[in-house]
Amino acid sequence: MKAQALPVASPSLSLSRFVSIILSEFPEEQVSQATASSYKSLLHEMTQSTPTCLWNDSASVQELEYSIEHGAVGATCNPVIVVGVLKKEVNVWKGGFRR
């Protein structure tokens, strides 16, 4: 089986899509073993067992919550990503604009 190229970071690539692409590169038995362990996911295992610091590059509340739950230490964003998320989640963020 020919491995696909790893995804390049882009505003259109959500964290969940990135993780699904990465997971598609692992045989199912490896994924099952990792998720059956004390880790919530392979992403969580990576953040807990390597010196990698995960920063989420999103303003999506759902993606931020997932990342933090799986070991993210911070978040960053850029105007292009913010505009894209606001178009999709304006009701989620509307209350924050009034603060």
N, C-alpha and C. Protein backbone atom coordinates (compact mmCIF):
# COMPACT_ATOMS: atom_id res chain seq x y z
N MET A 1 0.84 -1.18 0.00
CA MET A 1 0.00 0.00 0.00
C MET A 1 0.88 1.24 0.00
N LYS A 2 0.63 2.13 -0.93
CA LYS A 2 1.41 3.36 -1.03
C LYS A 2 0.88 4.37 -0.02
N ALA A 3 1.77 4.91 0.80
CA ALA A 3 1.37 5.90 1.80
C ALA A 3 1.07 7.23 1.12
N GLN A 4 0.00 7.86 1.57
CA GLN A 4 -0.32 9.17 1.02
C GLN A 4 0.54 10.23 1.68
N ALA A 5 0.71 11.34 0.98
CA ALA A 5 1.48 12.44 1.54
C ALA A 5 0.75 12.99 2.76
N LEU A 6 1.50 13.36 3.78
CA LEU A 6 0.89 13.94 4.96
C LEU A 6 0.31 15.30 4.61
N PRO A 7 -0.78 15.68 5.26
CA PRO A 7 -1.43 16.95 4.94
C PRO A 7 -0.57 18.14 5.34
N VAL A 8 -0.72 19.20 4.60
CA VAL A 8 -0.04 20.45 4.89
C VAL A 8 -1.02 21.33 5.63
N ALA A 9 -0.56 22.05 6.64
CA ALA A 9 -1.43 22.93 7.40
C ALA A 9 -2.05 23.96 6.48
N SER A 10 -3.34 24.13 6.60
CA SER A 10 -4.03 25.14 5.81
C SER A 10 -5.31 25.53 6.55
N PRO A 11 -5.83 26.72 6.28
CA PRO A 11 -7.05 27.15 6.95
C PRO A 11 -8.24 26.23 6.68
N SER A 12 -8.23 25.52 5.55
CA SER A 12 -9.36 24.67 5.22
C SER A 12 -9.26 23.27 5.83
N LEU A 13 -8.16 22.95 6.48
CA LEU A 13 -7.97 21.62 7.06
C LEU A 13 -8.24 21.68 8.55
N SER A 14 -9.36 21.12 8.97
CA SER A 14 -9.70 21.15 10.39
C SER A 14 -8.86 20.13 11.15
N LEU A 15 -8.80 20.29 12.46
CA LEU A 15 -8.06 19.36 13.30
C LEU A 15 -8.61 17.95 13.16
N SER A 16 -9.92 17.81 13.17
CA SER A 16 -10.50 16.48 13.08
C SER A 16 -10.16 15.82 11.75
N ARG A 17 -10.15 16.57 10.66
CA ARG A 17 -9.79 16.02 9.35
C ARG A 17 -8.31 15.65 9.34
N PHE A 18 -7.46 16.50 9.92
CA PHE A 18 -6.03 16.22 10.00
C PHE A 18 -5.79 14.91 10.75
N VAL A 19 -6.44 14.74 11.90
CA VAL A 19 -6.27 13.54 12.70
C VAL A 19 -6.76 12.32 11.92
N SER A 20 -7.89 12.43 11.23
CA SER A 20 -8.38 11.28 10.47
C SER A 20 -7.43 10.89 9.35
N ILE A 21 -6.77 11.86 8.72
CA ILE A 21 -5.80 11.55 7.68
C ILE A 21 -4.60 10.83 8.29
N ILE A 22 -4.11 11.34 9.40
CA ILE A 22 -2.96 10.71 10.06
C ILE A 22 -3.32 9.29 10.50
N LEU A 23 -4.49 9.11 11.09
CA LEU A 23 -4.90 7.79 11.56
C LEU A 23 -5.05 6.80 10.42
N SER A 24 -5.40 7.28 9.24
CA SER A 24 -5.56 6.38 8.10
C SER A 24 -4.23 5.75 7.70
N GLU A 25 -3.12 6.31 8.16
CA GLU A 25 -1.80 5.78 7.85
C GLU A 25 -1.40 4.61 8.75
N PHE A 26 -2.15 4.39 9.84
CA PHE A 26 -1.81 3.33 10.79
C PHE A 26 -2.71 2.12 10.58
N PRO A 27 -2.13 0.92 10.66
CA PRO A 27 -2.98 -0.27 10.60
C PRO A 27 -4.00 -0.24 11.74
N GLU A 28 -5.17 -0.78 11.48
CA GLU A 28 -6.27 -0.73 12.45
C GLU A 28 -5.88 -1.35 13.80
N GLU A 29 -5.09 -2.42 13.79
CA GLU A 29 -4.71 -3.05 15.06
C GLU A 29 -3.85 -2.12 15.92
N GLN A 30 -3.02 -1.28 15.29
CA GLN A 30 -2.22 -0.33 16.07
C GLN A 30 -3.12 0.72 16.70
N VAL A 31 -4.09 1.20 15.96
CA VAL A 31 -5.02 2.20 16.48
C VAL A 31 -5.82 1.60 17.64
N SER A 32 -6.30 0.37 17.46
CA SER A 32 -7.07 -0.29 18.52
C SER A 32 -6.24 -0.46 19.78
N GLN A 33 -4.99 -0.86 19.65
CA GLN A 33 -4.13 -1.05 20.82
C GLN A 33 -3.90 0.28 21.53
N ALA A 34 -3.67 1.34 20.77
CA ALA A 34 -3.39 2.63 21.39
C ALA A 34 -4.62 3.18 22.10
N THR A 35 -5.78 3.08 21.46
CA THR A 35 -6.97 3.64 22.08
C THR A 35 -7.49 2.77 23.21
N ALA A 36 -7.09 1.48 23.25
CA ALA A 36 -7.49 0.60 24.34
C ALA A 36 -6.63 0.84 25.58
N SER A 37 -5.55 1.59 25.43
CA SER A 37 -4.68 1.87 26.56
C SER A 37 -5.28 2.98 27.41
N SER A 38 -4.46 3.57 28.24
CA SER A 38 -4.95 4.63 29.13
C SER A 38 -5.09 5.97 28.41
N TYR A 39 -4.78 6.02 27.14
CA TYR A 39 -4.88 7.26 26.38
C TYR A 39 -6.24 7.38 25.72
N LYS A 40 -6.71 8.61 25.60
CA LYS A 40 -8.00 8.88 24.97
C LYS A 40 -7.95 8.71 23.45
N SER A 41 -6.78 8.93 22.89
CA SER A 41 -6.60 8.86 21.43
C SER A 41 -5.11 8.83 21.13
N LEU A 42 -4.77 8.62 19.88
CA LEU A 42 -3.36 8.70 19.49
C LEU A 42 -2.82 10.11 19.69
N LEU A 43 -3.66 11.10 19.47
CA LEU A 43 -3.24 12.48 19.70
C LEU A 43 -2.91 12.68 21.18
N HIS A 44 -3.75 12.17 22.05
CA HIS A 44 -3.52 12.27 23.49
C HIS A 44 -2.24 11.53 23.88
N GLU A 45 -2.05 10.35 23.30
CA GLU A 45 -0.83 9.59 23.59
C GLU A 45 0.41 10.38 23.17
N MET A 46 0.35 11.01 22.00
CA MET A 46 1.49 11.80 21.53
C MET A 46 1.81 12.94 22.51
N THR A 47 0.78 13.63 22.98
CA THR A 47 1.03 14.77 23.87
C THR A 47 1.53 14.34 25.24
N GLN A 48 1.20 13.11 25.64
CA GLN A 48 1.59 12.64 26.96
C GLN A 48 2.91 11.86 26.96
N SER A 49 3.31 11.30 25.83
CA SER A 49 4.46 10.42 25.82
C SER A 49 5.64 10.93 24.97
N THR A 50 5.52 12.11 24.42
CA THR A 50 6.61 12.69 23.64
C THR A 50 6.80 14.14 24.08
N PRO A 51 7.91 14.75 23.71
CA PRO A 51 8.13 16.15 24.07
C PRO A 51 7.33 17.13 23.20
N THR A 52 6.46 16.61 22.37
CA THR A 52 5.66 17.46 21.47
C THR A 52 4.66 18.29 22.25
N CYS A 53 4.59 19.57 21.94
CA CYS A 53 3.57 20.46 22.49
C CYS A 53 2.55 20.74 21.40
N LEU A 54 1.32 20.36 21.65
CA LEU A 54 0.25 20.55 20.67
C LEU A 54 -0.38 21.93 20.85
N TRP A 55 -0.38 22.69 19.78
CA TRP A 55 -1.07 23.97 19.73
C TRP A 55 -2.14 23.84 18.67
N ASN A 56 -3.36 24.20 19.00
CA ASN A 56 -4.46 24.12 18.05
C ASN A 56 -4.53 25.41 17.25
N ASP A 57 -4.62 25.29 15.96
CA ASP A 57 -4.70 26.46 15.07
C ASP A 57 -6.13 26.59 14.56
N SER A 58 -7.04 26.89 15.47
CA SER A 58 -8.45 26.98 15.12
C SER A 58 -9.17 27.89 16.10
N ALA A 59 -10.28 28.44 15.64
CA ALA A 59 -11.14 29.21 16.52
C ALA A 59 -12.47 28.48 16.73
N SER A 60 -12.55 27.26 16.25
CA SER A 60 -13.76 26.46 16.41
C SER A 60 -13.83 25.94 17.85
N VAL A 61 -14.93 26.23 18.52
CA VAL A 61 -15.09 25.81 19.91
C VAL A 61 -14.97 24.30 20.02
N GLN A 62 -15.61 23.56 19.14
CA GLN A 62 -15.56 22.10 19.17
C GLN A 62 -14.13 21.60 19.02
N GLU A 63 -13.38 22.15 18.09
CA GLU A 63 -12.00 21.72 17.89
C GLU A 63 -11.10 22.12 19.06
N LEU A 64 -11.34 23.30 19.62
CA LEU A 64 -10.55 23.73 20.78
C LEU A 64 -10.80 22.82 21.98
N GLU A 65 -12.06 22.50 22.24
CA GLU A 65 -12.39 21.61 23.36
C GLU A 65 -11.76 20.24 23.17
N TYR A 66 -11.84 19.69 21.96
CA TYR A 66 -11.24 18.39 21.69
C TYR A 66 -9.73 18.44 21.91
N SER A 67 -9.09 19.47 21.40
CA SER A 67 -7.64 19.58 21.52
C SER A 67 -7.20 19.67 22.98
N ILE A 68 -7.87 20.50 23.75
CA ILE A 68 -7.52 20.66 25.16
C ILE A 68 -7.73 19.35 25.91
N GLU A 69 -8.83 18.66 25.62
CA GLU A 69 -9.11 17.38 26.26
C GLU A 69 -8.05 16.33 25.92
N HIS A 70 -7.40 16.48 24.77
CA HIS A 70 -6.41 15.51 24.32
C HIS A 70 -4.98 16.02 24.45
N GLY A 71 -4.78 17.06 25.27
CA GLY A 71 -3.44 17.47 25.64
C GLY A 71 -2.89 18.74 25.04
N ALA A 72 -3.70 19.50 24.32
CA ALA A 72 -3.21 20.76 23.77
C ALA A 72 -2.80 21.70 24.89
N VAL A 73 -1.74 22.46 24.65
CA VAL A 73 -1.26 23.40 25.66
C VAL A 73 -1.59 24.84 25.30
N GLY A 74 -2.09 25.06 24.10
CA GLY A 74 -2.42 26.41 23.71
C GLY A 74 -3.14 26.44 22.38
N ALA A 75 -3.48 27.64 21.97
CA ALA A 75 -4.17 27.83 20.69
C ALA A 75 -3.64 29.09 20.03
N THR A 76 -3.66 29.06 18.74
CA THR A 76 -3.26 30.20 17.95
C THR A 76 -4.21 30.30 16.78
N CYS A 77 -4.24 31.40 16.13
CA CYS A 77 -5.17 31.54 15.02
C CYS A 77 -4.72 32.70 14.14
N ASN A 78 -5.26 32.75 12.95
CA ASN A 78 -4.98 33.88 12.07
C ASN A 78 -6.30 34.40 11.51
N PRO A 79 -6.31 35.59 10.95
CA PRO A 79 -7.56 36.20 10.48
C PRO A 79 -8.34 35.35 9.47
N VAL A 80 -7.66 34.66 8.59
CA VAL A 80 -8.35 33.83 7.60
C VAL A 80 -9.14 32.72 8.28
N ILE A 81 -8.52 32.06 9.26
CA ILE A 81 -9.20 30.99 9.99
C ILE A 81 -10.35 31.56 10.80
N VAL A 82 -10.14 32.68 11.46
CA VAL A 82 -11.19 33.30 12.28
C VAL A 82 -12.41 33.62 11.43
N VAL A 83 -12.22 34.23 10.28
CA VAL A 83 -13.34 34.58 9.41
C VAL A 83 -14.10 33.33 8.98
N GLY A 84 -13.37 32.29 8.60
CA GLY A 84 -14.02 31.04 8.19
C GLY A 84 -14.86 30.43 9.30
N VAL A 85 -14.31 30.42 10.51
CA VAL A 85 -15.04 29.86 11.65
C VAL A 85 -16.23 30.74 12.00
N LEU A 86 -16.06 32.04 11.99
CA LEU A 86 -17.17 32.94 12.32
C LEU A 86 -18.33 32.78 11.36
N LYS A 87 -18.04 32.54 10.09
CA LYS A 87 -19.11 32.32 9.11
C LYS A 87 -19.91 31.07 9.45
N LYS A 88 -19.23 30.06 9.98
CA LYS A 88 -19.90 28.79 10.31
C LYS A 88 -20.50 28.80 11.71
N GLU A 89 -19.90 29.53 12.65
CA GLU A 89 -20.29 29.45 14.06
C GLU A 89 -20.63 30.81 14.66
N VAL A 90 -21.23 31.68 13.87
CA VAL A 90 -21.50 33.04 14.36
C VAL A 90 -22.36 33.03 15.62
N ASN A 91 -23.31 32.11 15.73
CA ASN A 91 -24.16 32.07 16.93
C ASN A 91 -23.38 31.67 18.17
N VAL A 92 -22.35 30.84 18.00
CA VAL A 92 -21.52 30.43 19.14
C VAL A 92 -20.71 31.60 19.66
N TRP A 93 -20.19 32.42 18.77
CA TRP A 93 -19.28 33.50 19.15
C TRP A 93 -19.98 34.84 19.37
N LYS A 94 -21.23 34.98 18.96
CA LYS A 94 -21.94 36.27 19.02
C LYS A 94 -21.89 36.90 20.41
N GLY A 95 -22.11 36.12 21.47
CA GLY A 95 -22.08 36.65 22.84
C GLY A 95 -20.72 37.18 23.23
N GLY A 96 -19.66 36.63 22.70
CA GLY A 96 -18.31 37.07 23.02
C GLY A 96 -17.98 38.43 22.45
N PHE A 97 -18.67 38.84 21.40
CA PHE A 97 -18.40 40.14 20.79
C PHE A 97 -18.89 41.29 21.64
N ARG A 98 -19.83 41.02 22.52
CA ARG A 98 -20.42 42.09 23.33
C ARG A 98 -19.65 42.34 24.61
N ARG A 99 -18.68 41.50 24.91
CA ARG A 99 -17.92 41.65 26.16
C ARG A 99 -16.94 42.76 26.07
